[in-house]
C-alpha atoms as a PDB file:
ATOM      1  CA  UNK A   1      98.444  72.758 122.676  1.00  0.00           C
ATOM      2  CA  UNK A   2      96.975  76.020 124.015  1.00  0.00           C
ATOM      3  CA  UNK A   3      98.241  79.663 123.982  1.00  0.00           C
ATOM      4  CA  UNK A   4     100.004  80.101 127.381  1.00  0.00           C
ATOM      5  CA  UNK A   5     100.966  83.284 129.051  1.00  0.00           C
ATOM      6  CA  UNK A   6     104.494  82.679 128.660  1.00  0.00           C
ATOM      7  CA  UNK A   7     103.963  82.296 125.345  1.00  0.00           C
ATOM      8  CA  UNK A   8     102.264  85.581 125.360  1.00  0.00           C
ATOM      9  CA  UNK A   9     104.855  87.657 127.014  1.00  0.00           C
ATOM     10  CA  UNK A  10     107.451  85.974 124.812  1.00  0.00           C
ATOM     11  CA  UNK A  11     106.222  86.620 120.755  1.00  0.00           C
ATOM     12  CA  UNK A  12     104.871  90.334 122.899  1.00  0.00           C
ATOM     13  CA  UNK A  13     108.306  91.390 123.255  1.00  0.00           C
ATOM     14  CA  UNK A  14     109.283  90.527 119.903  1.00  0.00           C
ATOM     15  CA  UNK A  15     106.654  91.954 118.273  1.00  0.00           C
ATOM     16  CA  UNK A  16     107.228  95.173 120.241  1.00  0.00           C
ATOM     17  CA  UNK A  17     110.641  95.414 119.023  1.00  0.00           C
ATOM     18  CA  UNK A  18     109.728  94.944 115.709  1.00  0.00           C
ATOM     19  CA  UNK A  19     106.531  97.219 115.832  1.00  0.00           C
ATOM     20  CA  UNK A  20     110.166  99.818 116.943  1.00  0.00           C
ATOM     21  CA  UNK A  21     111.956  99.064 114.057  1.00  0.00           C
ATOM     22  CA  UNK A  22     109.618  98.663 111.116  1.00  0.00           C
ATOM     23  CA  UNK A  23     108.436 101.840 111.980  1.00  0.00           C
ATOM     24  CA  UNK A  24     111.242 103.316 111.577  1.00  0.00           C
ATOM     25  CA  UNK A  25     111.878 101.372 108.473  1.00  0.00           C
ATOM     26  CA  UNK A  26     108.461 102.622 107.048  1.00  0.00           C
ATOM     27  CA  UNK A  27     109.902 106.187 107.339  1.00  0.00           C
ATOM     28  CA  UNK A  28     113.199 105.537 106.196  1.00  0.00           C
ATOM     29  CA  UNK A  29     110.342 104.202 102.744  1.00  0.00           C
ATOM     30  CA  UNK A  30     108.554 107.615 102.614  1.00  0.00           C
ATOM     31  CA  UNK A  31     112.111 109.932 102.144  1.00  0.00           C
ATOM     32  CA  UNK A  32     111.064 111.415  99.433  1.00  0.00           C
ATOM     33  CA  UNK A  33     115.066 112.517  98.528  1.00  0.00           C
ATOM     34  CA  UNK A  34     117.482 109.472  97.601  1.00  0.00           C
ATOM     35  CA  UNK A  35     119.220 108.480 100.071  1.00  0.00           C
ATOM     36  CA  UNK A  36     121.125 105.671  99.225  1.00  0.00           C
ATOM     37  CA  UNK A  37     124.518 107.470  98.923  1.00  0.00           C
ATOM     38  CA  UNK A  38     124.088 108.145 103.058  1.00  0.00           C
ATOM     39  CA  UNK A  39     125.894 104.617 104.295  1.00  0.00           C
ATOM     40  CA  UNK A  40     124.817 105.776 108.157  1.00  0.00           C
ATOM     41  CA  UNK A  41     121.288 105.449 107.548  1.00  0.00           C
ATOM     42  CA  UNK A  42     121.888 103.019 104.478  1.00  0.00           C
ATOM     43  CA  UNK A  43     123.612 100.801 107.047  1.00  0.00           C
ATOM     44  CA  UNK A  44     121.111 101.352 109.618  1.00  0.00           C
ATOM     45  CA  UNK A  45     118.415 100.524 107.532  1.00  0.00           C
ATOM     46  CA  UNK A  46     120.374  97.337 106.558  1.00  0.00           C
ATOM     47  CA  UNK A  47     120.147  96.348 109.928  1.00  0.00           C
ATOM     48  CA  UNK A  48     116.716  96.901 110.861  1.00  0.00           C
ATOM     49  CA  UNK A  49     115.825  95.112 107.769  1.00  0.00           C
ATOM     50  CA  UNK A  50     117.662  92.084 109.017  1.00  0.00           C
ATOM     51  CA  UNK A  51     116.406  92.312 112.628  1.00  0.00           C
ATOM     52  CA  UNK A  52     113.231  92.257 111.162  1.00  0.00           C
ATOM     53  CA  UNK A  53     113.202  89.467 109.819  1.00  0.00           C
ATOM     54  CA  UNK A  54     114.772  87.788 112.183  1.00  0.00           C
ATOM     55  CA  UNK A  55     112.137  88.870 114.695  1.00  0.00           C
ATOM     56  CA  UNK A  56     109.245  87.484 112.203  1.00  0.00           C
ATOM     57  CA  UNK A  57     110.382  83.928 112.146  1.00  0.00           C
ATOM     58  CA  UNK A  58     111.741  84.419 115.954  1.00  0.00           C
ATOM     59  CA  UNK A  59     108.059  84.770 117.087  1.00  0.00           C
ATOM     60  CA  UNK A  60     106.981  82.011 114.630  1.00  0.00           C
ATOM     61  CA  UNK A  61     109.481  79.488 115.728  1.00  0.00           C
ATOM     62  CA  UNK A  62     108.188  80.168 119.277  1.00  0.00           C
ATOM     63  CA  UNK A  63     104.280  80.037 118.180  1.00  0.00           C
ATOM     64  CA  UNK A  64     105.201  76.430 116.064  1.00  0.00           C
ATOM     65  CA  UNK A  65     107.344  75.323 118.606  1.00  0.00           C
ATOM     66  CA  UNK A  66     104.068  75.755 121.548  1.00  0.00           C
ATOM     67  CA  UNK A  67     101.625  74.935 119.289  1.00  0.00           C
ATOM     68  CA  UNK A  68     103.147  71.589 117.813  1.00  0.00           C
ATOM     69  CA  UNK A  69     102.896  72.706 114.304  1.00  0.00           C
ATOM     70  CA  UNK A  70     104.910  71.024 111.868  1.00  0.00           C
ATOM     71  CA  UNK A  71     108.498  71.704 111.587  1.00  0.00           C
ATOM     72  CA  UNK A  72     109.910  73.848 109.418  1.00  0.00           C
ATOM     73  CA  UNK A  73     112.778  73.415 107.123  1.00  0.00           C
ATOM     74  CA  UNK A  74     114.382  76.939 106.793  1.00  0.00           C
ATOM     75  CA  UNK A  75     113.350  80.350 106.559  1.00  0.00           C
ATOM     76  CA  UNK A  76     110.597  80.736 103.813  1.00  0.00           C
ATOM     77  CA  UNK A  77     108.752  77.347 105.695  1.00  0.00           C
ATOM     78  CA  UNK A  78     108.544  79.203 108.721  1.00  0.00           C
ATOM     79  CA  UNK A  79     106.887  81.897 107.836  1.00  0.00           C
ATOM     80  CA  UNK A  80     104.671  79.433 105.732  1.00  0.00           C
ATOM     81  CA  UNK A  81     103.901  76.794 108.694  1.00  0.00           C
ATOM     82  CA  UNK A  82     102.233  80.552 109.656  1.00  0.00           C
ATOM     83  CA  UNK A  83     100.605  80.396 106.311  1.00  0.00           C
ATOM     84  CA  UNK A  84      98.966  76.646 106.306  1.00  0.00           C
ATOM     85  CA  UNK A  85      97.819  77.525 110.449  1.00  0.00           C
ATOM     86  CA  UNK A  86      95.806  80.106 108.287  1.00  0.00           C
ATOM     87  CA  UNK A  87      98.019  83.669 110.848  1.00  0.00           C
ATOM     88  CA  UNK A  88      99.074  85.280 107.064  1.00  0.00           C
ATOM     89  CA  UNK A  89      97.360  85.078 103.726  1.00  0.00           C
ATOM     90  CA  UNK A  90      99.417  83.454 101.243  1.00  0.00           C
ATOM     91  CA  UNK A  91      99.319  86.806  99.047  1.00  0.00           C
ATOM     92  CA  UNK A  92     101.779  88.597 102.648  1.00  0.00           C
ATOM     93  CA  UNK A  93     103.550  85.098 102.518  1.00  0.00           C
ATOM     94  CA  UNK A  94     104.199  85.851  98.752  1.00  0.00           C
ATOM     95  CA  UNK A  95     105.458  89.459  99.088  1.00  0.00           C
ATOM     96  CA  UNK A  96     107.849  88.319 102.676  1.00  0.00           C
ATOM     97  CA  UNK A  97     109.591  85.868 100.568  1.00  0.00           C
ATOM     98  CA  UNK A  98     111.138  88.971  98.835  1.00  0.00           C
ATOM     99  CA  UNK A  99     112.303  90.269 102.224  1.00  0.00           C
ATOM    100  CA  UNK A 100     113.429  86.963 103.068  1.00  0.00           C
ATOM    101  CA  UNK A 101     116.140  87.100  99.652  1.00  0.00           C
ATOM    102  CA  UNK A 102     116.830  90.223 100.562  1.00  0.00           C
ATOM    103  CA  UNK A 103     117.765  88.971 104.354  1.00  0.00           C
ATOM    104  CA  UNK A 104     119.911  85.979 102.735  1.00  0.00           C
ATOM    105  CA  UNK A 105     121.300  89.162 100.432  1.00  0.00           C
ATOM    106  CA  UNK A 106     122.418  90.580 103.696  1.00  0.00           C
ATOM    107  CA  UNK A 107     123.778  87.484 105.604  1.00  0.00           C
ATOM    108  CA  UNK A 108     125.962  86.408 102.556  1.00  0.00           C
ATOM    109  CA  UNK A 109     126.196  88.582  99.472  1.00  0.00           C
ATOM    110  CA  UNK A 110     127.231  91.489 101.559  1.00  0.00           C
ATOM    111  CA  UNK A 111     130.336  92.731  99.267  1.00  0.00           C
ATOM    112  CA  UNK A 112     127.629  93.354  96.317  1.00  0.00           C
ATOM    113  CA  UNK A 113     124.910  94.662  98.879  1.00  0.00           C
ATOM    114  CA  UNK A 114     124.131  98.903  97.298  1.00  0.00           C
ATOM    115  CA  UNK A 115     122.799 101.378  98.283  1.00  0.00           C
ATOM    116  CA  UNK A 116     120.098 101.288  96.424  1.00  0.00           C
ATOM    117  CA  UNK A 117     119.361  98.053  96.911  1.00  0.00           C
ATOM    118  CA  UNK A 118     118.571  98.619 100.521  1.00  0.00           C
ATOM    119  CA  UNK A 119     116.945 101.681  99.787  1.00  0.00           C
ATOM    120  CA  UNK A 120     114.320  99.691  97.499  1.00  0.00           C
ATOM    121  CA  UNK A 121     114.207  97.007 100.167  1.00  0.00           C
ATOM    122  CA  UNK A 122     113.418  98.945 103.207  1.00  0.00           C
ATOM    123  CA  UNK A 123     110.734 100.395  99.765  1.00  0.00           C
ATOM    124  CA  UNK A 124     109.402  97.367  99.053  1.00  0.00           C
ATOM    125  CA  UNK A 125     108.992  95.473 102.832  1.00  0.00           C
ATOM    126  CA  UNK A 126     108.438  98.238 105.726  1.00  0.00           C
ATOM    127  CA  UNK A 127     105.042  97.509 105.361  1.00  0.00           C
ATOM    128  CA  UNK A 128     104.737  93.960 105.742  1.00  0.00           C
ATOM    129  CA  UNK A 129     105.806  93.886 109.149  1.00  0.00           C
ATOM    130  CA  UNK A 130     103.021  95.556 110.644  1.00  0.00           C
ATOM    131  CA  UNK A 131     100.433  93.463 108.695  1.00  0.00           C
ATOM    132  CA  UNK A 132     102.536  90.490 110.848  1.00  0.00           C
ATOM    133  CA  UNK A 133     102.002  92.197 113.463  1.00  0.00           C
ATOM    134  CA  UNK A 134      98.204  92.499 113.985  1.00  0.00           C
ATOM    135  CA  UNK A 135      97.883  89.264 112.075  1.00  0.00           C
ATOM    136  CA  UNK A 136     100.063  88.055 115.046  1.00  0.00           C
ATOM    137  CA  UNK A 137      98.638  89.883 118.358  1.00  0.00           C
ATOM    138  CA  UNK A 138      95.103  88.725 116.759  1.00  0.00           C
ATOM    139  CA  UNK A 139      96.089  84.952 116.339  1.00  0.00           C
ATOM    140  CA  UNK A 140      97.729  85.235 119.887  1.00  0.00           C
ATOM    141  CA  UNK A 141      95.037  87.357 121.697  1.00  0.00           C
ATOM    142  CA  UNK A 142      97.999  89.846 122.260  1.00  0.00           C
ATOM    143  CA  UNK A 143      96.560  93.397 123.361  1.00  0.00           C
ATOM    144  CA  UNK A 144      99.081  96.064 121.450  1.00  0.00           C
END
């Protein structure tokens, strides 16, 4: 199969939203004060991280489906397919698995999720999204 304008437009919309959310997360990651007790910021960051991971996998799924790549078996495998196809590098993928683990905690372990865990996740994973955006735009030849 080949990259169509429909695929480019679909993925471009996802990447635009991902870029907006991830920029805000990067701003939070660079805050010097401890914001783990700021409930509003923690809840917003938790949501933004979750949406960023979903956008990352949704964009990847769109590419995988349109270009008839192998069927992934789960969230990590979705991104692994892109790694196997040379869209993202192995080091990036291995680091992103931590963001996927954080997503799992947001979805299933939310009762035990602390503000400090959210802060730590933001500081550790926020910059991964800009790399992904750049790699996927390059792969699909999407202008920023």
